[in-house]
Amino acid sequence: MAHIPDGVLTAPVMIGGALATVAALSVALRRLDSERIPQVAVLSAAFFVSSLVSIPVGPGSVHLLLNGLMGAILGWAAVPAILVALVLQAIFFGYGGLVVLGVNCINMVLPALICAALFARRLRDVESQNGFILGFLAGGLGVLLTGFMVASSIAISNPDYLPAAKVMLFTYLPLMIVEAVVTGAAIGFARRVAPELLFLPER
């Protein structure tokens, strides 16, 4: 999963994650256009619900992340959308914890912003038949980067966790394929039936 529970990370890692999340949120809120708030709310809800769809992987499971999708569509607005959903997941389902919320958030947000930088403009410029391909790449990259950041957060906190972090990273590979297909299909469908979802202005 993308959620690291309380008690695993060291204080410097948690503080660094919290500061990075606060910085990203401050930039995102300044750039957020009021016209995008309903769209942000819908995708935040989708992100929240996706945690209920688990994919068995060995003895455990992973769930859809959708941060590549949110980054490609929302850009910087993905930051508050992801943060709100993570807070609700921690409160209602016990996913992760409030103490490590900053790390869990930045592990999801930074890949989303990278996907936004790489794919958002292209989604607005290319023909609709390319929507699936760009969505496929965004979805897969979002999961891959999140898996790397989660594993790195754990390994940095305690070198003894390095073997477990490597195993955890491999569990993201099947999820990366599934999410790439889901994101590609979602963006391709949106371009055909509701392209305005991809073209709302962002400052």
N, C-alpha and C. Protein backbone atom coordinates (compact mmCIF):
# COMPACT_ATOMS: atom_id res chain seq x y z
N MET A 1 0.83 -1.19 0.00
CA MET A 1 0.00 0.00 0.00
C MET A 1 0.87 1.25 0.00
N ALA A 2 0.26 2.35 -0.34
CA ALA A 2 0.98 3.62 -0.33
C ALA A 2 0.98 4.24 1.06
N HIS A 3 0.24 3.65 2.00
CA HIS A 3 0.14 4.22 3.33
C HIS A 3 1.16 3.59 4.26
N ILE A 4 2.04 4.40 4.83
CA ILE A 4 3.00 3.93 5.82
C ILE A 4 2.37 4.14 7.19
N PRO A 5 2.32 3.12 8.04
CA PRO A 5 1.69 3.28 9.35
C PRO A 5 2.57 4.04 10.32
N ASP A 6 1.96 4.49 11.41
CA ASP A 6 2.72 5.14 12.48
C ASP A 6 3.71 4.15 13.08
N GLY A 7 4.83 4.69 13.58
CA GLY A 7 5.81 3.87 14.27
C GLY A 7 6.88 3.27 13.40
N VAL A 8 6.85 3.52 12.10
CA VAL A 8 7.84 2.94 11.19
C VAL A 8 8.93 3.95 10.85
N LEU A 9 8.56 5.19 10.64
CA LEU A 9 9.50 6.20 10.18
C LEU A 9 10.15 6.95 11.33
N THR A 10 11.35 7.46 11.09
CA THR A 10 12.05 8.26 12.09
C THR A 10 11.52 9.70 12.06
N ALA A 11 11.81 10.43 13.12
CA ALA A 11 11.32 11.81 13.25
C ALA A 11 11.82 12.71 12.11
N PRO A 12 13.11 12.65 11.73
CA PRO A 12 13.55 13.52 10.62
C PRO A 12 12.80 13.27 9.32
N VAL A 13 12.51 12.00 9.02
CA VAL A 13 11.77 11.69 7.80
C VAL A 13 10.35 12.23 7.89
N MET A 14 9.70 12.05 9.04
CA MET A 14 8.34 12.55 9.20
C MET A 14 8.28 14.07 9.15
N ILE A 15 9.25 14.73 9.77
CA ILE A 15 9.28 16.20 9.75
C ILE A 15 9.53 16.70 8.32
N GLY A 16 10.46 16.06 7.63
CA GLY A 16 10.73 16.45 6.24
C GLY A 16 9.51 16.27 5.36
N GLY A 17 8.79 15.16 5.52
CA GLY A 17 7.57 14.94 4.75
C GLY A 17 6.50 15.96 5.07
N ALA A 18 6.36 16.30 6.35
CA ALA A 18 5.36 17.29 6.74
C ALA A 18 5.68 18.66 6.15
N LEU A 19 6.94 19.06 6.20
CA LEU A 19 7.33 20.37 5.66
C LEU A 19 7.13 20.41 4.15
N ALA A 20 7.47 19.33 3.47
CA ALA A 20 7.29 19.27 2.02
C ALA A 20 5.81 19.34 1.65
N THR A 21 4.96 18.66 2.43
CA THR A 21 3.52 18.70 2.16
C THR A 21 2.96 20.09 2.38
N VAL A 22 3.37 20.74 3.47
CA VAL A 22 2.89 22.11 3.75
C VAL A 22 3.32 23.05 2.63
N ALA A 23 4.55 22.92 2.16
CA ALA A 23 5.03 23.79 1.08
C ALA A 23 4.23 23.55 -0.19
N ALA A 24 4.01 22.28 -0.54
CA ALA A 24 3.24 21.97 -1.75
C ALA A 24 1.81 22.47 -1.63
N LEU A 25 1.22 22.32 -0.44
CA LEU A 25 -0.17 22.76 -0.24
C LEU A 25 -0.28 24.27 -0.35
N SER A 26 0.68 24.99 0.18
CA SER A 26 0.62 26.46 0.11
C SER A 26 0.68 26.94 -1.33
N VAL A 27 1.53 26.30 -2.14
CA VAL A 27 1.60 26.67 -3.56
C VAL A 27 0.31 26.30 -4.27
N ALA A 28 -0.20 25.11 -3.98
CA ALA A 28 -1.41 24.63 -4.65
C ALA A 28 -2.62 25.51 -4.35
N LEU A 29 -2.77 25.94 -3.11
CA LEU A 29 -3.93 26.76 -2.75
C LEU A 29 -3.86 28.14 -3.39
N ARG A 30 -2.66 28.66 -3.55
CA ARG A 30 -2.53 29.96 -4.24
C ARG A 30 -2.87 29.84 -5.72
N ARG A 31 -2.62 28.68 -6.30
CA ARG A 31 -2.88 28.48 -7.73
C ARG A 31 -4.28 27.95 -8.03
N LEU A 32 -5.01 27.57 -7.01
CA LEU A 32 -6.31 26.93 -7.21
C LEU A 32 -7.35 27.94 -7.70
N ASP A 33 -7.98 27.62 -8.82
CA ASP A 33 -9.06 28.43 -9.35
C ASP A 33 -10.38 27.95 -8.77
N SER A 34 -11.24 28.87 -8.38
CA SER A 34 -12.51 28.47 -7.76
C SER A 34 -13.36 27.61 -8.69
N GLU A 35 -13.18 27.77 -10.01
CA GLU A 35 -13.93 26.95 -10.96
C GLU A 35 -13.57 25.48 -10.87
N ARG A 36 -12.41 25.19 -10.31
CA ARG A 36 -11.94 23.81 -10.27
C ARG A 36 -12.38 23.07 -9.00
N ILE A 37 -12.94 23.79 -8.04
CA ILE A 37 -13.27 23.15 -6.75
C ILE A 37 -14.21 21.96 -6.92
N PRO A 38 -15.30 22.05 -7.70
CA PRO A 38 -16.15 20.85 -7.88
C PRO A 38 -15.39 19.68 -8.49
N GLN A 39 -14.52 19.96 -9.46
CA GLN A 39 -13.73 18.90 -10.09
C GLN A 39 -12.76 18.28 -9.08
N VAL A 40 -12.14 19.14 -8.26
CA VAL A 40 -11.24 18.64 -7.22
C VAL A 40 -11.98 17.75 -6.25
N ALA A 41 -13.18 18.16 -5.86
CA ALA A 41 -13.97 17.38 -4.91
C ALA A 41 -14.34 16.01 -5.48
N VAL A 42 -14.72 15.97 -6.75
CA VAL A 42 -15.10 14.70 -7.38
C VAL A 42 -13.91 13.75 -7.44
N LEU A 43 -12.76 14.24 -7.86
CA LEU A 43 -11.60 13.37 -7.96
C LEU A 43 -11.04 12.98 -6.59
N SER A 44 -11.19 13.87 -5.60
CA SER A 44 -10.80 13.50 -4.25
C SER A 44 -11.67 12.37 -3.73
N ALA A 45 -12.97 12.43 -4.03
CA ALA A 45 -13.88 11.36 -3.64
C ALA A 45 -13.53 10.06 -4.35
N ALA A 46 -13.18 10.15 -5.64
CA ALA A 46 -12.79 8.95 -6.39
C ALA A 46 -11.52 8.34 -5.80
N PHE A 47 -10.58 9.18 -5.42
CA PHE A 47 -9.34 8.72 -4.80
C PHE A 47 -9.65 8.02 -3.47
N PHE A 48 -10.57 8.59 -2.71
CA PHE A 48 -10.96 8.01 -1.42
C PHE A 48 -11.61 6.64 -1.62
N VAL A 49 -12.54 6.56 -2.56
CA VAL A 49 -13.25 5.30 -2.79
C VAL A 49 -12.33 4.24 -3.37
N SER A 50 -11.33 4.66 -4.15
CA SER A 50 -10.44 3.67 -4.78
C SER A 50 -9.70 2.84 -3.76
N SER A 51 -9.55 3.36 -2.54
CA SER A 51 -8.84 2.60 -1.50
C SER A 51 -9.62 1.35 -1.11
N LEU A 52 -10.91 1.30 -1.46
CA LEU A 52 -11.72 0.13 -1.13
C LEU A 52 -11.54 -0.99 -2.15
N VAL A 53 -10.91 -0.71 -3.28
CA VAL A 53 -10.70 -1.71 -4.33
C VAL A 53 -9.30 -2.28 -4.17
N SER A 54 -9.19 -3.41 -3.51
CA SER A 54 -7.89 -4.02 -3.22
C SER A 54 -7.56 -5.10 -4.24
N ILE A 55 -6.27 -5.19 -4.57
CA ILE A 55 -5.78 -6.20 -5.50
C ILE A 55 -4.86 -7.14 -4.74
N PRO A 56 -5.19 -8.43 -4.60
CA PRO A 56 -4.33 -9.35 -3.85
C PRO A 56 -2.96 -9.48 -4.50
N VAL A 57 -1.92 -9.35 -3.68
CA VAL A 57 -0.54 -9.53 -4.13
C VAL A 57 0.18 -10.34 -3.05
N GLY A 58 0.40 -11.62 -3.32
CA GLY A 58 1.04 -12.48 -2.33
C GLY A 58 0.20 -12.54 -1.08
N PRO A 59 0.84 -12.38 0.10
CA PRO A 59 0.09 -12.45 1.35
C PRO A 59 -0.68 -11.17 1.66
N GLY A 60 -0.40 -10.11 0.95
CA GLY A 60 -1.06 -8.84 1.21
C GLY A 60 -1.87 -8.37 0.03
N SER A 61 -2.05 -7.05 -0.04
CA SER A 61 -2.81 -6.48 -1.14
C SER A 61 -2.40 -5.03 -1.34
N VAL A 62 -2.70 -4.51 -2.51
CA VAL A 62 -2.51 -3.10 -2.81
C VAL A 62 -3.81 -2.57 -3.38
N HIS A 63 -3.95 -1.27 -3.42
CA HIS A 63 -5.18 -0.70 -3.96
C HIS A 63 -4.85 0.40 -4.95
N LEU A 64 -5.82 0.73 -5.78
CA LEU A 64 -5.62 1.78 -6.76
C LEU A 64 -5.22 3.09 -6.09
N LEU A 65 -4.32 3.82 -6.73
CA LEU A 65 -3.84 5.09 -6.18
C LEU A 65 -4.47 6.29 -6.88
N LEU A 66 -4.51 6.24 -8.21
CA LEU A 66 -5.11 7.29 -9.04
C LEU A 66 -4.37 8.62 -8.96
N ASN A 67 -3.15 8.65 -8.41
CA ASN A 67 -2.46 9.93 -8.35
C ASN A 67 -1.95 10.38 -9.71
N GLY A 68 -1.64 9.42 -10.61
CA GLY A 68 -1.28 9.82 -11.97
C GLY A 68 -2.44 10.46 -12.69
N LEU A 69 -3.62 9.90 -12.52
CA LEU A 69 -4.84 10.46 -13.10
C LEU A 69 -5.12 11.85 -12.55
N MET A 70 -5.03 11.99 -11.23
CA MET A 70 -5.32 13.28 -10.60
C MET A 70 -4.30 14.34 -11.00
N GLY A 71 -3.03 13.94 -11.09
CA GLY A 71 -2.02 14.90 -11.50
C GLY A 71 -2.23 15.36 -12.93
N ALA A 72 -2.53 14.41 -13.83
CA ALA A 72 -2.71 14.76 -15.24
C ALA A 72 -3.91 15.67 -15.46
N ILE A 73 -4.97 15.47 -14.67
CA ILE A 73 -6.18 16.28 -14.85
C ILE A 73 -6.16 17.55 -14.02
N LEU A 74 -5.73 17.45 -12.75
CA LEU A 74 -5.85 18.57 -11.83
C LEU A 74 -4.60 19.45 -11.75
N GLY A 75 -3.45 18.91 -12.07
CA GLY A 75 -2.23 19.68 -11.87
C GLY A 75 -1.99 19.93 -10.39
N TRP A 76 -1.68 21.17 -10.02
CA TRP A 76 -1.41 21.49 -8.62
C TRP A 76 -2.63 21.30 -7.74
N ALA A 77 -3.81 21.35 -8.31
CA ALA A 77 -5.02 21.13 -7.52
C ALA A 77 -5.11 19.71 -6.98
N ALA A 78 -4.28 18.81 -7.48
CA ALA A 78 -4.25 17.44 -6.94
C ALA A 78 -3.74 17.41 -5.51
N VAL A 79 -2.98 18.42 -5.11
CA VAL A 79 -2.41 18.42 -3.75
C VAL A 79 -3.50 18.44 -2.68
N PRO A 80 -4.39 19.46 -2.66
CA PRO A 80 -5.45 19.42 -1.64
C PRO A 80 -6.40 18.24 -1.81
N ALA A 81 -6.64 17.82 -3.05
CA ALA A 81 -7.53 16.68 -3.28
C ALA A 81 -6.98 15.41 -2.64
N ILE A 82 -5.70 15.16 -2.80
CA ILE A 82 -5.08 13.97 -2.23
C ILE A 82 -5.00 14.09 -0.71
N LEU A 83 -4.65 15.27 -0.21
CA LEU A 83 -4.51 15.45 1.24
C LEU A 83 -5.83 15.20 1.96
N VAL A 84 -6.91 15.77 1.44
CA VAL A 84 -8.22 15.58 2.08
C VAL A 84 -8.60 14.10 2.10
N ALA A 85 -8.38 13.41 0.99
CA ALA A 85 -8.73 11.98 0.92
C ALA A 85 -7.88 11.16 1.89
N LEU A 86 -6.60 11.49 2.02
CA LEU A 86 -5.73 10.76 2.94
C LEU A 86 -6.14 10.95 4.39
N VAL A 87 -6.55 12.17 4.72
CA VAL A 87 -7.03 12.44 6.08
C VAL A 87 -8.26 11.60 6.39
N LEU A 88 -9.19 11.55 5.44
CA LEU A 88 -10.41 10.76 5.65
C LEU A 88 -10.10 9.27 5.71
N GLN A 89 -9.18 8.79 4.89
CA GLN A 89 -8.80 7.38 4.92
C GLN A 89 -8.17 7.02 6.27
N ALA A 90 -7.33 7.92 6.80
CA ALA A 90 -6.69 7.66 8.08
C ALA A 90 -7.71 7.63 9.22
N ILE A 91 -8.70 8.53 9.15
CA ILE A 91 -9.69 8.62 10.22
C ILE A 91 -10.68 7.47 10.18
N PHE A 92 -11.22 7.19 8.98
CA PHE A 92 -12.30 6.21 8.87
C PHE A 92 -11.82 4.77 8.74
N PHE A 93 -10.68 4.55 8.08
CA PHE A 93 -10.22 3.19 7.81
C PHE A 93 -8.91 2.84 8.50
N GLY A 94 -8.27 3.82 9.12
CA GLY A 94 -7.00 3.56 9.77
C GLY A 94 -5.86 3.32 8.81
N TYR A 95 -6.00 3.80 7.57
CA TYR A 95 -4.91 3.65 6.59
C TYR A 95 -3.82 4.65 6.94
N GLY A 96 -2.61 4.16 7.16
CA GLY A 96 -1.54 5.06 7.54
C GLY A 96 -1.79 5.60 8.94
N GLY A 97 -1.53 6.84 9.14
CA GLY A 97 -1.75 7.47 10.44
C GLY A 97 -1.62 8.96 10.30
N LEU A 98 -2.14 9.69 11.27
CA LEU A 98 -2.08 11.15 11.20
C LEU A 98 -0.66 11.67 11.44
N VAL A 99 0.13 10.95 12.23
CA VAL A 99 1.50 11.39 12.51
C VAL A 99 2.36 11.33 11.25
N VAL A 100 2.12 10.33 10.42
CA VAL A 100 2.92 10.17 9.20
C VAL A 100 2.18 10.72 7.98
N LEU A 101 1.16 11.51 8.21
CA LEU A 101 0.34 12.01 7.11
C LEU A 101 1.17 12.81 6.11
N GLY A 102 2.10 13.61 6.60
CA GLY A 102 2.91 14.43 5.69
C GLY A 102 3.72 13.59 4.73
N VAL A 103 4.32 12.51 5.23
CA VAL A 103 5.12 11.63 4.36
C VAL A 103 4.21 10.90 3.37
N ASN A 104 3.10 10.35 3.88
CA ASN A 104 2.19 9.64 2.99
C ASN A 104 1.64 10.56 1.91
N CYS A 105 1.41 11.82 2.27
CA CYS A 105 0.87 12.77 1.29
C CYS A 105 1.92 13.12 0.23
N ILE A 106 3.12 13.46 0.64
CA ILE A 106 4.13 13.86 -0.34
C ILE A 106 4.52 12.68 -1.22
N ASN A 107 4.44 11.45 -0.69
CA ASN A 107 4.73 10.27 -1.51
C ASN A 107 3.71 10.09 -2.62
N MET A 108 2.52 10.63 -2.44
CA MET A 108 1.48 10.57 -3.47
C MET A 108 1.49 11.83 -4.33
N VAL A 109 1.74 12.97 -3.69
CA VAL A 109 1.62 14.26 -4.35
C VAL A 109 2.75 14.51 -5.34
N LEU A 110 3.98 14.23 -4.94
CA LEU A 110 5.11 14.52 -5.83
C LEU A 110 5.00 13.75 -7.15
N PRO A 111 4.68 12.44 -7.14
CA PRO A 111 4.45 11.76 -8.42
C PRO A 111 3.30 12.36 -9.22
N ALA A 112 2.25 12.80 -8.53
CA ALA A 112 1.13 13.43 -9.23
C ALA A 112 1.58 14.70 -9.94
N LEU A 113 2.41 15.50 -9.28
CA LEU A 113 2.89 16.75 -9.88
C LEU A 113 3.85 16.47 -11.04
N ILE A 114 4.63 15.41 -10.91
CA ILE A 114 5.52 15.03 -12.02
C ILE A 114 4.68 14.61 -13.23
N CYS A 115 3.63 13.83 -12.98
CA CYS A 115 2.73 13.44 -14.08
C CYS A 115 2.06 14.66 -14.70
N ALA A 116 1.71 15.63 -13.86
CA ALA A 116 1.11 16.85 -14.37
C ALA A 116 2.07 17.58 -15.31
N ALA A 117 3.33 17.68 -14.88
CA ALA A 117 4.34 18.38 -15.69
C ALA A 117 4.59 17.66 -17.01
N LEU A 118 4.54 16.33 -17.00
CA LEU A 118 4.86 15.55 -18.19
C LEU A 118 3.69 15.39 -19.15
N PHE A 119 2.45 15.31 -18.61
CA PHE A 119 1.34 14.88 -19.44
C PHE A 119 0.18 15.86 -19.55
N ALA A 120 0.01 16.77 -18.59
CA ALA A 120 -1.18 17.62 -18.59
C ALA A 120 -1.29 18.45 -19.86
N ARG A 121 -0.22 19.12 -20.24
CA ARG A 121 -0.27 19.95 -21.44
C ARG A 121 -0.49 19.12 -22.69
N ARG A 122 0.14 17.96 -22.74
CA ARG A 122 -0.04 17.08 -23.91
C ARG A 122 -1.48 16.59 -24.01
N LEU A 123 -2.11 16.35 -22.89
CA LEU A 123 -3.50 15.93 -22.93
C LEU A 123 -4.39 16.99 -23.54
N ARG A 124 -4.00 18.24 -23.40
CA ARG A 124 -4.80 19.33 -23.93
C ARG A 124 -4.48 19.62 -25.40
N ASP A 125 -3.39 19.06 -25.89
CA ASP A 125 -2.95 19.37 -27.25
C ASP A 125 -3.19 18.24 -28.25
N VAL A 126 -3.18 17.00 -27.80
CA VAL A 126 -3.22 15.90 -28.74
C VAL A 126 -4.64 15.55 -29.12
N GLU A 127 -4.78 14.75 -30.19
CA GLU A 127 -6.08 14.26 -30.61
C GLU A 127 -6.59 13.24 -29.61
N SER A 128 -7.92 13.07 -29.56
CA SER A 128 -8.53 12.24 -28.52
C SER A 128 -8.07 10.79 -28.56
N GLN A 129 -7.69 10.27 -29.72
CA GLN A 129 -7.29 8.88 -29.76
C GLN A 129 -5.97 8.63 -29.03
N ASN A 130 -5.22 9.69 -28.75
CA ASN A 130 -3.99 9.53 -27.99
C ASN A 130 -4.22 9.64 -26.48
N GLY A 131 -5.44 9.91 -26.08
CA GLY A 131 -5.72 10.07 -24.66
C GLY A 131 -5.40 8.82 -23.87
N PHE A 132 -5.75 7.66 -24.42
CA PHE A 132 -5.48 6.41 -23.70
C PHE A 132 -3.99 6.21 -23.47
N ILE A 133 -3.18 6.49 -24.48
CA ILE A 133 -1.75 6.27 -24.36
C ILE A 133 -1.15 7.17 -23.28
N LEU A 134 -1.50 8.45 -23.31
CA LEU A 134 -0.97 9.37 -22.30
C LEU A 134 -1.48 9.02 -20.91
N GLY A 135 -2.75 8.64 -20.83
CA GLY A 135 -3.29 8.22 -19.54
C GLY A 135 -2.61 6.95 -19.03
N PHE A 136 -2.35 6.03 -19.93
CA PHE A 136 -1.65 4.79 -19.57
C PHE A 136 -0.28 5.11 -18.97
N LEU A 137 0.46 6.01 -19.61
CA LEU A 137 1.78 6.38 -19.12
C LEU A 137 1.69 7.11 -17.79
N ALA A 138 0.73 8.03 -17.65
CA ALA A 138 0.58 8.78 -16.41
C ALA A 138 0.21 7.85 -15.25
N GLY A 139 -0.73 6.95 -15.49
CA GLY A 139 -1.14 6.03 -14.44
C GLY A 139 -0.01 5.12 -13.98
N GLY A 140 0.71 4.57 -14.93
CA GLY A 140 1.82 3.69 -14.57
C GLY A 140 2.95 4.42 -13.87
N LEU A 141 3.28 5.62 -14.37
CA LEU A 141 4.37 6.38 -13.76
C LEU A 141 4.02 6.82 -12.35
N GLY A 142 2.76 7.22 -12.14
CA GLY A 142 2.34 7.64 -10.80
C GLY A 142 2.54 6.54 -9.78
N VAL A 143 2.18 5.32 -10.13
CA VAL A 143 2.33 4.19 -9.21
C VAL A 143 3.82 3.86 -9.01
N LEU A 144 4.58 3.84 -10.08
CA LEU A 144 5.99 3.50 -9.99
C LEU A 144 6.73 4.48 -9.09
N LEU A 145 6.50 5.77 -9.27
CA LEU A 145 7.18 6.78 -8.45
C LEU A 145 6.73 6.72 -7.01
N THR A 146 5.44 6.47 -6.79
CA THR A 146 4.95 6.35 -5.42
C THR A 146 5.58 5.15 -4.72
N GLY A 147 5.64 4.02 -5.42
CA GLY A 147 6.28 2.85 -4.85
C GLY A 147 7.73 3.11 -4.48
N PHE A 148 8.44 3.81 -5.35
CA PHE A 148 9.85 4.12 -5.08
C PHE A 148 9.97 5.04 -3.87
N MET A 149 9.08 6.03 -3.75
CA MET A 149 9.16 6.97 -2.64
C MET A 149 8.78 6.30 -1.32
N VAL A 150 7.77 5.43 -1.34
CA VAL A 150 7.39 4.71 -0.12
C VAL A 150 8.55 3.82 0.34
N ALA A 151 9.11 3.06 -0.59
CA ALA A 151 10.23 2.18 -0.23
C ALA A 151 11.42 2.99 0.26
N SER A 152 11.68 4.13 -0.37
CA SER A 152 12.81 4.97 0.04
C SER A 152 12.58 5.56 1.43
N SER A 153 11.34 5.98 1.72
CA SER A 153 11.04 6.54 3.04
C SER A 153 11.31 5.53 4.13
N ILE A 154 10.94 4.28 3.89
CA ILE A 154 11.15 3.22 4.88
C ILE A 154 12.62 2.88 5.00
N ALA A 155 13.31 2.75 3.87
CA ALA A 155 14.73 2.38 3.89
C ALA A 155 15.58 3.46 4.54
N ILE A 156 15.26 4.73 4.30
CA ILE A 156 16.02 5.83 4.88
C ILE A 156 15.84 5.87 6.40
N SER A 157 14.64 5.54 6.85
CA SER A 157 14.37 5.58 8.28
C SER A 157 15.16 4.53 9.04
N ASN A 158 15.33 3.36 8.43
CA ASN A 158 16.07 2.28 9.10
C ASN A 158 16.66 1.36 8.04
N PRO A 159 18.00 1.32 7.92
CA PRO A 159 18.61 0.44 6.91
C PRO A 159 18.22 -1.02 7.05
N ASP A 160 17.82 -1.43 8.26
CA ASP A 160 17.40 -2.83 8.45
C ASP A 160 16.13 -3.14 7.68
N TYR A 161 15.37 -2.09 7.31
CA TYR A 161 14.13 -2.27 6.57
C TYR A 161 14.35 -2.37 5.06
N LEU A 162 15.62 -2.25 4.62
CA LEU A 162 15.90 -2.22 3.19
C LEU A 162 15.38 -3.46 2.46
N PRO A 163 15.61 -4.69 2.96
CA PRO A 163 15.06 -5.85 2.26
C PRO A 163 13.54 -5.81 2.14
N ALA A 164 12.87 -5.40 3.22
CA ALA A 164 11.41 -5.29 3.18
C ALA A 164 10.98 -4.21 2.20
N ALA A 165 11.74 -3.11 2.12
CA ALA A 165 11.40 -2.04 1.19
C ALA A 165 11.52 -2.51 -0.25
N LYS A 166 12.53 -3.34 -0.54
CA LYS A 166 12.68 -3.86 -1.90
C LYS A 166 11.51 -4.76 -2.27
N VAL A 167 11.11 -5.62 -1.33
CA VAL A 167 9.97 -6.49 -1.59
C VAL A 167 8.71 -5.67 -1.81
N MET A 168 8.54 -4.62 -0.99
CA MET A 168 7.37 -3.76 -1.12
C MET A 168 7.32 -3.09 -2.48
N LEU A 169 8.49 -2.68 -2.98
CA LEU A 169 8.54 -2.02 -4.28
C LEU A 169 8.04 -2.94 -5.39
N PHE A 170 8.38 -4.22 -5.31
CA PHE A 170 7.95 -5.18 -6.33
C PHE A 170 6.43 -5.40 -6.30
N THR A 171 5.81 -5.20 -5.14
CA THR A 171 4.35 -5.40 -5.08
C THR A 171 3.62 -4.32 -5.86
N TYR A 172 4.30 -3.23 -6.18
CA TYR A 172 3.66 -2.16 -6.95
C TYR A 172 3.63 -2.46 -8.45
N LEU A 173 4.40 -3.44 -8.90
CA LEU A 173 4.48 -3.70 -10.34
C LEU A 173 3.15 -4.16 -10.93
N PRO A 174 2.45 -5.14 -10.33
CA PRO A 174 1.14 -5.49 -10.90
C PRO A 174 0.14 -4.36 -10.80
N LEU A 175 0.21 -3.60 -9.71
CA LEU A 175 -0.68 -2.44 -9.57
C LEU A 175 -0.39 -1.41 -10.65
N MET A 176 0.88 -1.23 -11.00
CA MET A 176 1.26 -0.26 -12.02
C MET A 176 0.59 -0.60 -13.35
N ILE A 177 0.54 -1.87 -13.70
CA ILE A 177 -0.09 -2.28 -14.95
C ILE A 177 -1.60 -2.04 -14.91
N VAL A 178 -2.22 -2.45 -13.80
CA VAL A 178 -3.68 -2.27 -13.66
C VAL A 178 -4.04 -0.80 -13.70
N GLU A 179 -3.31 0.00 -12.95
CA GLU A 179 -3.66 1.41 -12.88
C GLU A 179 -3.37 2.14 -14.19
N ALA A 180 -2.35 1.71 -14.91
CA ALA A 180 -2.07 2.30 -16.21
C ALA A 180 -3.26 2.10 -17.15
N VAL A 181 -3.83 0.90 -17.15
CA VAL A 181 -4.98 0.61 -18.00
C VAL A 181 -6.20 1.41 -17.54
N VAL A 182 -6.45 1.45 -16.23
CA VAL A 182 -7.60 2.18 -15.69
C VAL A 182 -7.49 3.66 -16.02
N THR A 183 -6.31 4.24 -15.81
CA THR A 183 -6.13 5.67 -16.07
C THR A 183 -6.23 5.98 -17.55
N GLY A 184 -5.63 5.13 -18.38
CA GLY A 184 -5.74 5.33 -19.82
C GLY A 184 -7.18 5.29 -20.28
N ALA A 185 -7.95 4.32 -19.78
CA ALA A 185 -9.35 4.20 -20.17
C ALA A 185 -10.15 5.40 -19.68
N ALA A 186 -9.88 5.86 -18.44
CA ALA A 186 -10.62 6.99 -17.88
C ALA A 186 -10.37 8.27 -18.68
N ILE A 187 -9.11 8.53 -19.00
CA ILE A 187 -8.80 9.76 -19.73
C ILE A 187 -9.28 9.67 -21.18
N GLY A 188 -9.12 8.51 -21.79
CA GLY A 188 -9.63 8.35 -23.15
C GLY A 188 -11.13 8.55 -23.21
N PHE A 189 -11.84 8.01 -22.22
CA PHE A 189 -13.30 8.17 -22.16
C PHE A 189 -13.68 9.63 -21.92
N ALA A 190 -12.96 10.30 -21.02
CA ALA A 190 -13.27 11.70 -20.72
C ALA A 190 -13.06 12.58 -21.94
N ARG A 191 -12.03 12.31 -22.72
CA ARG A 191 -11.77 13.12 -23.91
C ARG A 191 -12.88 12.97 -24.94
N ARG A 192 -13.51 11.80 -24.95
CA ARG A 192 -14.57 11.57 -25.93
C ARG A 192 -15.92 12.16 -25.50
N VAL A 193 -16.25 12.02 -24.23
CA VAL A 193 -17.61 12.38 -23.80
C VAL A 193 -17.68 13.65 -22.97
N ALA A 194 -16.59 14.03 -22.29
CA ALA A 194 -16.62 15.23 -21.44
C ALA A 194 -15.25 15.90 -21.45
N PRO A 195 -14.80 16.37 -22.61
CA PRO A 195 -13.46 16.96 -22.68
C PRO A 195 -13.28 18.19 -21.79
N GLU A 196 -14.38 18.82 -21.39
CA GLU A 196 -14.26 19.99 -20.52
C GLU A 196 -13.62 19.64 -19.18
N LEU A 197 -13.67 18.37 -18.79
CA LEU A 197 -13.02 17.94 -17.54
C LEU A 197 -11.52 18.12 -17.63
N LEU A 198 -10.97 18.09 -18.81
CA LEU A 198 -9.52 18.20 -18.98
C LEU A 198 -9.06 19.59 -19.33
N PHE A 199 -10.00 20.49 -19.59
CA PHE A 199 -9.62 21.79 -20.12
C PHE A 199 -9.97 22.96 -19.21
N LEU A 200 -10.35 22.70 -17.96
CA LEU A 200 -10.63 23.79 -17.04
C LEU A 200 -9.35 24.58 -16.80
N PRO A 201 -9.45 25.90 -16.66
CA PRO A 201 -8.25 26.73 -16.54
C PRO A 201 -7.54 26.52 -15.22
N GLU A 202 -6.23 26.70 -15.25
CA GLU A 202 -5.42 26.64 -14.02
C GLU A 202 -4.40 27.76 -14.07
N ARG A 203 -4.29 28.48 -12.99
CA ARG A 203 -3.31 29.56 -12.94
C ARG A 203 -1.92 29.01 -12.74
